[in-house]
Amino acid sequence: MEDCMRRPDHGARYASGLRRGAALGILLPVLLAGCDDAPAPPAADPRPVRVTTVAPRSGGDVISLTGTVEAETQVNLAFRIDGRMVERRVNVGDRVAAGQVVARLDRTNEENGLRAARAEMTTARARLTEARNNYQRQRELLQSGFTTRVRYDEATRTLRSAESALDATQAQVNIAQTRLGYTDLVADAGGVVTARGAEPGEVVQPGRMIVQVAREGGRDAVFDVPPTLKDQAPADPLIEVALTMDPAVRAEGRVREVSPQADPVTGTFRVRVGLADPPPAMRLGSTVTGRMELGAGGAIEVPASALTRAQQQPAVWVVDPAAQTVALRPVEVLRFDPARVVVGSGLEAGDIVVTAGVQALRPGQKVRLLGTQSAAR
C-alpha cells in the first residue's frame, strides 16, 4: 500500500524534470547565438619607432691627433777618444755652424803621444839614411870586386827594413796627430742644440753624447697613433698640420716613417710626418694638430643605436614603406664608434632604418614612423 502511495509522487517529480529539460533545450540555442554575436578583441596598435633614411656619405672620416714638431735629423755629437772634458762652448738652444768647435778635451796626453811618435820617426829616418849609405857602398864594392855577395845582400835587407820602420813611424805620427785632432769636438752640420750630456770637468768615454743637435733643413710632425687607426690609414695619406695655438699657421706633409714596434706603455706607434715648406712659426717643440681623412666617400653611415644582432651577425631593422612593417637585415660593419656605424654592404641608398626601439621589434611587425631624417653627411 505504501509503495503504491509513493509512486504518484515519483511520477510527478519525473514529469517536472522533463519540463525543465525542455525549457533548457529551448534557451541553449538562444544563448549560443548571443555568444557568436560578441565583438572581436581590438587589433594591437602599430609600435612607434624612430627611423632614418640612409644615403651615401659625401666624404670620409676626418681624424685629428696632437703631436709635436721635431727636426727631421737629430745627431748626438760625441768624442771619439776618452779624456777629461775641459770646455763646452755651447748650451741648449744655441745655434751651431758646420765646422764649429763645440767642446774640447785635455790635450796633454795626445800632445805627448804625438811628440813620442815624431821622435821615433826621426830615429827611423836616421837609420834609413845609414842603411842607404851602407847599401850604396856595398854596391860599389861589389862592382869593383872588393866585397862579397853576402855582404851586399845583408846591406840590401837592412835598407828595406829601415824603409819599413820609417813607414811605420810615419803611420804612428799620423795616428797621434789624428787623436790630437779628436780632442776638439766639431759640428759636422749646422743646427740647434737641443740637449747636453756632459759638463766640463767630467771624464768622458768614447761615444758618450756631449750635445744633441737638431740639424737644419727639415722638420717632422711626430704623432703617437693608436694601432686601429694605423691599420685603417691609406697607403700614402696627405696630412694637414696646424699649430694648436694658432690654427692659421698650416703646412702639409706625407708620412715619412712609421715605427715598427708599439710603445710598451701606451701601445701606440710613433709616426713621423715630413713637412713640406713649414712656416717659421712651426718651431722645434711646437704643439701641432694633424688632420687626415680616413676612408673614401660612398659608404653608408647609420647611428650606432640602429645596430642589433641576428644569428650572431650585425643587423638592422629595415622598414617596408608600403606595408609599414619591419624586417631584420644583416649588414657588414666597416668601422664604428660610440656614435655611428659605417656599413660596407647590406644597405642601399633610400632604405629606412629603425634607430630607436630596435630591441622590442619582431619580423613583420607593424610600425608607426615617428620621424625620418637623412643619414648622409
Protein backbone atom coordinates (compact mmCIF):
# COMPACT_ATOMS: atom_id res chain seq x y z
CA MET A 1 0.00 0.00 0.00
CA GLU A 2 2.83 2.38 0.93
CA ASP A 3 4.65 1.65 -2.30
CA CYS A 4 1.53 2.43 -4.26
CA MET A 5 1.09 5.68 -2.48
CA ARG A 6 4.76 6.78 -3.19
CA ARG A 7 4.64 6.02 -6.92
CA PRO A 8 2.41 9.01 -7.88
CA ASP A 9 4.93 11.36 -6.17
CA HIS A 10 7.79 9.85 -8.10
CA GLY A 11 5.99 10.28 -11.35
CA ALA A 12 5.28 13.93 -10.58
CA ARG A 13 8.97 14.63 -9.98
CA TYR A 14 9.89 12.88 -13.24
CA ALA A 15 7.39 14.98 -15.20
CA SER A 16 8.75 18.17 -13.63
CA GLY A 17 12.32 17.24 -14.68
CA LEU A 18 11.19 16.70 -18.25
CA ARG A 19 9.59 20.11 -18.36
CA ARG A 20 12.79 21.82 -17.06
CA GLY A 21 14.96 19.95 -19.63
CA ALA A 22 12.71 21.05 -22.47
CA ALA A 23 12.92 24.67 -21.33
CA LEU A 24 16.77 24.44 -21.14
CA GLY A 25 16.89 22.97 -24.63
CA ILE A 26 14.93 25.94 -25.91
CA LEU A 27 17.15 28.54 -24.13
CA LEU A 28 20.57 26.99 -25.04
CA PRO A 29 20.48 27.87 -28.78
CA VAL A 30 19.44 31.38 -27.86
CA LEU A 31 22.43 31.75 -25.52
CA LEU A 32 24.86 30.32 -28.09
CA ALA A 33 23.57 32.72 -30.72
CA GLY A 34 24.23 35.58 -28.32
CA CYS A 35 27.90 34.44 -27.84
CA ASP A 36 28.53 34.36 -31.60
CA ASP A 37 27.45 37.98 -31.90
CA ALA A 38 30.12 39.23 -29.28
CA PRO A 39 32.72 41.78 -30.79
CA ALA A 40 36.31 40.52 -31.58
CA PRO A 41 39.24 41.92 -29.46
CA PRO A 42 40.79 45.08 -30.97
CA ALA A 43 44.00 44.67 -33.06
CA ALA A 44 47.32 45.83 -31.49
CA ASP A 45 48.34 49.38 -32.38
CA PRO A 46 51.46 49.76 -34.60
CA ARG A 47 54.61 50.21 -32.49
CA PRO A 48 56.03 53.73 -32.76
CA VAL A 49 59.67 53.76 -33.90
CA ARG A 50 62.16 56.45 -34.81
CA VAL A 51 63.80 55.96 -38.20
CA THR A 52 66.34 57.48 -40.55
CA THR A 53 66.75 57.32 -44.31
CA VAL A 54 70.28 56.24 -45.24
CA ALA A 55 72.30 57.78 -48.07
CA PRO A 56 75.97 57.55 -49.20
CA ARG A 57 78.30 59.88 -47.36
CA SER A 58 79.92 62.74 -49.27
CA GLY A 59 83.35 62.18 -47.69
CA GLY A 60 85.39 60.09 -45.27
CA ASP A 61 86.04 60.47 -41.55
CA VAL A 62 88.38 63.27 -40.52
CA ILE A 63 90.80 62.11 -37.81
CA SER A 64 92.68 64.61 -35.63
CA LEU A 65 95.73 63.86 -33.49
CA THR A 66 98.03 66.08 -31.44
CA GLY A 67 101.79 65.90 -31.85
CA THR A 68 104.98 67.96 -31.73
CA VAL A 69 107.42 69.43 -34.23
CA GLU A 70 110.85 67.80 -34.28
CA ALA A 71 113.88 68.02 -36.53
CA GLU A 72 113.99 65.56 -39.38
CA THR A 73 117.53 64.60 -38.31
CA GLN A 74 118.92 64.76 -34.79
CA VAL A 75 122.52 63.77 -34.12
CA ASN A 76 124.45 63.15 -30.92
CA LEU A 77 127.89 64.76 -31.04
CA ALA A 78 130.44 62.74 -29.07
CA PHE A 79 134.22 62.45 -28.73
CA ARG A 80 135.97 59.55 -30.45
CA ILE A 81 138.52 59.18 -27.65
CA ASP A 82 138.32 59.25 -23.88
CA GLY A 83 139.62 62.05 -21.72
CA ARG A 84 138.72 64.87 -19.38
CA MET A 85 136.47 67.48 -20.94
CA VAL A 86 137.82 70.92 -20.14
CA GLU A 87 135.44 73.09 -22.17
CA ARG A 88 131.95 73.08 -23.66
CA ARG A 89 131.26 76.13 -25.78
CA VAL A 90 127.54 75.74 -26.48
CA ASN A 91 124.39 75.30 -24.46
CA VAL A 92 120.81 74.19 -25.11
CA GLY A 93 119.14 76.49 -27.62
CA ASP A 94 122.38 77.76 -29.19
CA ARG A 95 122.82 77.61 -32.94
CA VAL A 96 125.93 75.93 -34.28
CA ALA A 97 127.51 76.13 -37.73
CA ALA A 98 129.30 73.42 -39.69
CA GLY A 99 132.92 73.19 -38.53
CA GLN A 100 132.32 74.99 -35.24
CA VAL A 101 134.13 73.61 -32.16
CA VAL A 102 131.53 72.82 -29.51
CA ALA A 103 133.70 71.14 -26.82
CA ARG A 104 137.32 70.22 -26.00
CA LEU A 105 139.25 67.56 -24.12
CA ASP A 106 142.50 67.93 -22.21
CA ARG A 107 145.19 67.73 -24.94
CA THR A 108 148.21 66.87 -22.74
CA ASN A 109 148.28 63.10 -23.30
CA GLU A 110 147.67 63.38 -27.02
CA GLU A 111 150.36 66.04 -27.45
CA ASN A 112 152.85 63.84 -25.60
CA GLY A 113 151.90 60.90 -27.77
CA LEU A 114 152.49 62.98 -30.90
CA ARG A 115 155.91 64.10 -29.69
CA ALA A 116 156.92 60.50 -28.94
CA ALA A 117 155.76 59.37 -32.39
CA ARG A 118 157.74 62.15 -34.06
CA ALA A 119 160.85 61.21 -32.10
CA GLU A 120 160.51 57.61 -33.24
CA MET A 121 160.15 58.81 -36.80
CA THR A 122 163.32 60.91 -36.51
CA THR A 123 165.24 57.86 -35.28
CA ALA A 124 163.84 55.71 -38.06
CA ARG A 125 164.81 58.35 -40.64
CA ALA A 126 168.41 58.41 -39.33
CA ARG A 127 168.60 54.60 -39.50
CA LEU A 128 167.29 54.69 -43.02
CA THR A 129 169.96 57.21 -44.02
CA GLU A 130 172.66 54.98 -42.53
CA ALA A 131 171.25 51.87 -44.21
CA ARG A 132 171.02 53.65 -47.58
CA ASN A 133 174.65 54.81 -47.38
CA ASN A 134 175.85 51.33 -46.45
CA TYR A 135 173.88 49.87 -49.34
CA GLN A 136 175.45 52.29 -51.84
CA ARG A 137 178.94 51.48 -50.55
CA GLN A 138 178.40 47.73 -50.73
CA ARG A 139 177.02 48.01 -54.25
CA GLU A 140 180.09 49.93 -55.44
CA LEU A 141 182.45 47.49 -53.73
CA LEU A 142 180.62 44.54 -55.28
CA GLN A 143 181.00 46.07 -58.73
CA SER A 144 184.76 46.52 -58.16
CA GLY A 145 185.15 43.08 -56.58
CA PHE A 146 186.22 44.26 -53.12
CA THR A 147 183.24 42.75 -51.19
CA THR A 148 181.21 39.59 -51.21
CA ARG A 149 177.72 38.96 -52.41
CA VAL A 150 176.69 38.05 -48.86
CA ARG A 151 177.59 41.48 -47.50
CA TYR A 152 175.76 43.17 -50.36
CA ASP A 153 172.59 41.12 -49.70
CA GLU A 154 172.77 41.94 -45.99
CA ALA A 155 173.03 45.67 -46.76
CA THR A 156 170.01 45.34 -49.05
CA ARG A 157 167.93 43.70 -46.30
CA THR A 158 168.95 46.36 -43.81
CA LEU A 159 167.90 49.08 -46.22
CA ARG A 160 164.48 47.51 -46.79
CA SER A 161 163.96 47.06 -43.03
CA ALA A 162 164.86 50.72 -42.38
CA GLU A 163 162.42 51.87 -45.04
CA SER A 164 159.62 49.80 -43.44
CA ALA A 165 160.46 51.15 -39.99
CA LEU A 166 160.22 54.69 -41.27
CA ASP A 167 156.80 53.96 -42.82
CA ALA A 168 155.59 52.51 -39.51
CA THR A 169 156.74 55.51 -37.51
CA GLN A 170 155.14 57.84 -40.06
CA ALA A 171 151.84 55.99 -39.55
CA GLN A 172 152.21 56.38 -35.78
CA VAL A 173 152.73 60.12 -36.23
CA ASN A 174 149.58 60.32 -38.36
CA ILE A 175 147.58 58.42 -35.73
CA ALA A 176 148.88 60.68 -32.97
CA GLN A 177 148.00 63.78 -35.00
CA THR A 178 144.51 62.41 -35.62
CA ARG A 179 143.97 61.67 -31.92
CA LEU A 180 145.11 65.17 -31.09
CA GLY A 181 142.51 66.49 -33.52
CA TYR A 182 139.87 64.35 -31.80
CA THR A 183 140.28 66.43 -28.66
CA ASP A 184 138.17 69.07 -30.44
CA LEU A 185 134.50 68.17 -30.91
CA VAL A 186 133.38 69.78 -34.18
CA ALA A 187 129.83 70.09 -35.53
CA ASP A 188 129.58 68.47 -38.95
CA ALA A 189 126.44 70.43 -39.92
CA GLY A 190 124.52 73.47 -38.81
CA GLY A 191 121.64 73.21 -36.39
CA VAL A 192 120.29 73.95 -32.94
CA VAL A 193 121.47 72.36 -29.70
CA THR A 194 118.55 70.51 -28.12
CA ALA A 195 120.28 68.66 -25.24
CA ARG A 196 123.58 68.30 -23.43
CA GLY A 197 125.04 65.16 -21.92
CA ALA A 198 128.23 66.13 -20.05
CA GLU A 199 129.66 69.02 -18.14
CA PRO A 200 133.21 70.46 -18.18
CA GLY A 201 135.50 68.60 -15.77
CA GLU A 202 133.97 65.17 -16.37
CA VAL A 203 135.98 62.26 -17.73
CA VAL A 204 134.02 61.05 -20.74
CA GLN A 205 134.22 57.80 -22.67
CA PRO A 206 134.22 57.49 -26.46
CA GLY A 207 130.71 57.79 -27.90
CA ARG A 208 129.11 59.49 -24.90
CA MET A 209 126.71 62.21 -26.00
CA ILE A 210 128.10 65.66 -25.27
CA VAL A 211 125.45 67.71 -27.09
CA GLN A 212 122.48 66.82 -29.28
CA VAL A 213 121.98 68.91 -32.39
CA ALA A 214 118.80 69.18 -34.45
CA ARG A 215 120.06 69.72 -37.97
CA GLU A 216 118.66 72.40 -40.22
CA GLY A 217 116.84 71.67 -43.46
CA GLY A 218 113.89 69.54 -42.40
CA ARG A 219 111.02 69.40 -39.92
CA ASP A 220 108.82 66.49 -38.87
CA ALA A 221 105.45 66.44 -37.12
CA VAL A 222 105.57 63.47 -34.75
CA PHE A 223 102.38 61.73 -33.59
CA ASP A 224 101.56 58.72 -31.38
CA VAL A 225 98.96 56.80 -33.40
CA PRO A 226 96.64 54.07 -31.99
CA PRO A 227 97.01 50.67 -33.71
CA THR A 228 93.43 50.65 -35.08
CA LEU A 229 93.94 53.99 -36.80
CA LYS A 230 97.35 52.90 -38.09
CA ASP A 231 95.81 49.80 -39.73
CA GLN A 232 92.93 51.74 -41.32
CA ALA A 233 95.05 54.57 -42.75
CA PRO A 234 95.58 54.68 -46.53
CA ALA A 235 98.97 53.90 -48.05
CA ASP A 236 100.22 57.47 -48.61
CA PRO A 237 97.85 59.91 -46.90
CA LEU A 238 98.17 63.68 -47.12
CA ILE A 239 98.37 65.11 -43.61
CA GLU A 240 97.33 68.68 -42.85
CA VAL A 241 99.25 70.05 -39.87
CA ALA A 242 98.39 73.26 -37.99
CA LEU A 243 99.71 74.90 -34.85
CA THR A 244 97.43 74.11 -31.93
CA MET A 245 97.70 77.64 -30.55
CA ASP A 246 97.32 79.29 -33.97
CA PRO A 247 95.40 77.11 -36.46
CA ALA A 248 96.02 79.67 -39.20
CA VAL A 249 99.66 78.52 -39.35
CA ARG A 250 99.47 75.42 -41.53
CA ALA A 251 101.61 73.04 -43.53
CA GLU A 252 101.12 69.77 -45.37
CA GLY A 253 103.18 66.63 -45.25
CA ARG A 254 103.46 62.95 -46.01
CA VAL A 255 104.18 60.05 -43.69
CA ARG A 256 107.94 59.57 -43.72
CA GLU A 257 108.46 56.94 -41.06
CA VAL A 258 106.28 54.56 -39.03
CA SER A 259 107.71 52.82 -36.01
CA PRO A 260 107.51 49.02 -36.45
CA GLN A 261 107.11 48.48 -32.70
CA ALA A 262 104.43 49.81 -30.37
CA ASP A 263 105.30 51.76 -27.26
CA PRO A 264 105.31 49.27 -24.35
CA VAL A 265 103.44 51.69 -22.06
CA THR A 266 100.88 53.41 -24.31
CA GLY A 267 100.55 50.77 -27.05
CA THR A 268 100.75 53.48 -29.73
CA PHE A 269 103.02 53.70 -32.77
CA ARG A 270 105.33 56.66 -33.38
CA VAL A 271 104.64 58.20 -36.82
CA ARG A 272 106.82 60.93 -38.35
CA VAL A 273 105.27 63.20 -40.98
CA GLY A 274 107.72 65.12 -43.15
CA LEU A 275 106.51 68.72 -43.52
CA ALA A 276 106.80 70.44 -46.90
CA ASP A 277 107.99 74.06 -46.54
CA PRO A 278 106.93 74.53 -42.89
CA PRO A 279 106.42 78.18 -41.89
CA PRO A 280 108.98 79.72 -39.50
CA ALA A 281 106.34 79.78 -36.74
CA MET A 282 106.47 75.97 -36.59
CA ARG A 283 109.49 75.92 -34.31
CA LEU A 284 111.03 72.86 -32.75
CA GLY A 285 108.89 71.59 -29.89
CA SER A 286 105.71 73.36 -31.06
CA THR A 287 102.43 71.53 -30.41
CA VAL A 288 100.56 70.81 -33.63
CA THR A 289 97.32 69.13 -34.67
CA GLY A 290 97.34 66.75 -37.61
CA ARG A 291 94.19 66.08 -39.65
CA MET A 292 93.69 63.18 -42.05
CA GLU A 293 90.67 61.96 -44.00
CA LEU A 294 90.10 58.29 -43.31
CA GLY A 295 88.12 56.30 -45.84
CA ALA A 296 86.61 57.35 -49.15
CA GLY A 297 83.13 58.70 -49.76
CA GLY A 298 80.25 56.46 -50.84
CA ALA A 299 79.95 54.35 -47.69
CA ILE A 300 76.69 54.32 -45.74
CA GLU A 301 76.59 55.51 -42.14
CA VAL A 302 73.85 54.85 -39.57
CA PRO A 303 73.55 55.76 -35.89
CA ALA A 304 75.07 53.23 -33.52
CA SER A 305 71.66 52.78 -31.84
CA ALA A 306 70.33 51.16 -35.04
CA LEU A 307 72.68 48.19 -34.80
CA THR A 308 71.44 44.87 -33.40
CA ARG A 309 72.31 41.19 -33.95
CA ALA A 310 70.74 38.36 -35.96
CA GLN A 311 72.24 34.88 -35.69
CA GLN A 312 75.41 36.29 -34.14
CA GLN A 313 75.83 38.73 -37.06
CA PRO A 314 75.38 42.53 -37.14
CA ALA A 315 71.95 43.55 -38.45
CA VAL A 316 69.49 46.45 -38.62
CA TRP A 317 65.70 46.72 -38.82
CA VAL A 318 64.56 47.99 -42.23
CA VAL A 319 61.05 49.42 -42.74
CA ASP A 320 58.90 48.48 -45.74
CA PRO A 321 57.31 51.87 -46.52
CA ALA A 322 54.36 50.34 -48.37
CA ALA A 323 53.33 47.75 -45.75
CA GLN A 324 54.67 49.73 -42.76
CA THR A 325 56.33 46.56 -41.42
CA VAL A 326 59.88 45.82 -40.37
CA ALA A 327 62.38 43.14 -41.42
CA LEU A 328 65.76 42.23 -39.99
CA ARG A 329 68.62 42.66 -42.48
CA PRO A 330 72.27 41.56 -41.91
CA VAL A 331 74.94 44.18 -42.65
CA GLU A 332 78.74 44.36 -42.90
CA VAL A 333 80.32 46.79 -40.45
CA LEU A 334 83.45 48.57 -41.67
CA ARG A 335 84.06 50.93 -38.74
CA PHE A 336 82.18 52.00 -35.69
CA ASP A 337 82.43 54.28 -32.69
CA PRO A 338 80.02 55.06 -29.84
CA ALA A 339 78.01 57.44 -32.08
CA ARG A 340 77.89 55.92 -35.57
CA VAL A 341 78.49 52.81 -37.66
CA VAL A 342 79.92 52.74 -41.19
CA VAL A 343 78.24 49.97 -43.20
CA GLY A 344 80.01 48.35 -46.12
CA SER A 345 77.20 46.20 -47.51
CA GLY A 346 73.61 45.23 -46.69
CA LEU A 347 72.02 48.65 -47.09
CA GLU A 348 71.24 50.79 -50.11
CA ALA A 349 70.55 54.48 -50.51
CA GLY A 350 66.96 55.25 -49.59
CA ASP A 351 66.49 52.40 -47.10
CA ILE A 352 64.56 53.39 -43.97
CA VAL A 353 66.32 52.08 -40.86
CA VAL A 354 64.94 51.99 -37.33
CA THR A 355 67.17 53.93 -34.94
CA ALA A 356 65.21 53.67 -31.67
CA GLY A 357 63.22 50.77 -30.23
CA VAL A 358 65.13 48.02 -32.06
CA GLN A 359 65.08 45.64 -29.06
CA ALA A 360 61.25 45.42 -28.96
CA LEU A 361 60.61 44.56 -32.62
CA ARG A 362 59.81 41.28 -34.34
CA PRO A 363 59.85 40.40 -38.05
CA GLY A 364 56.72 41.56 -39.90
CA GLN A 365 55.55 43.79 -37.08
CA LYS A 366 53.53 46.86 -37.94
CA VAL A 367 55.23 50.14 -37.01
CA ARG A 368 54.37 53.81 -36.93
CA LEU A 369 57.18 56.16 -38.01
CA LEU A 370 57.91 58.98 -35.58
CA GLY A 371 60.43 60.80 -37.72
CA THR A 372 62.50 60.33 -40.82
CA GLN A 373 65.79 62.06 -41.42
CA SER A 374 68.68 61.55 -43.82
CA ALA A 375 71.86 59.91 -42.52
CA ALA A 376 74.08 61.32 -45.27
CA ARG A 377 76.92 63.66 -44.35
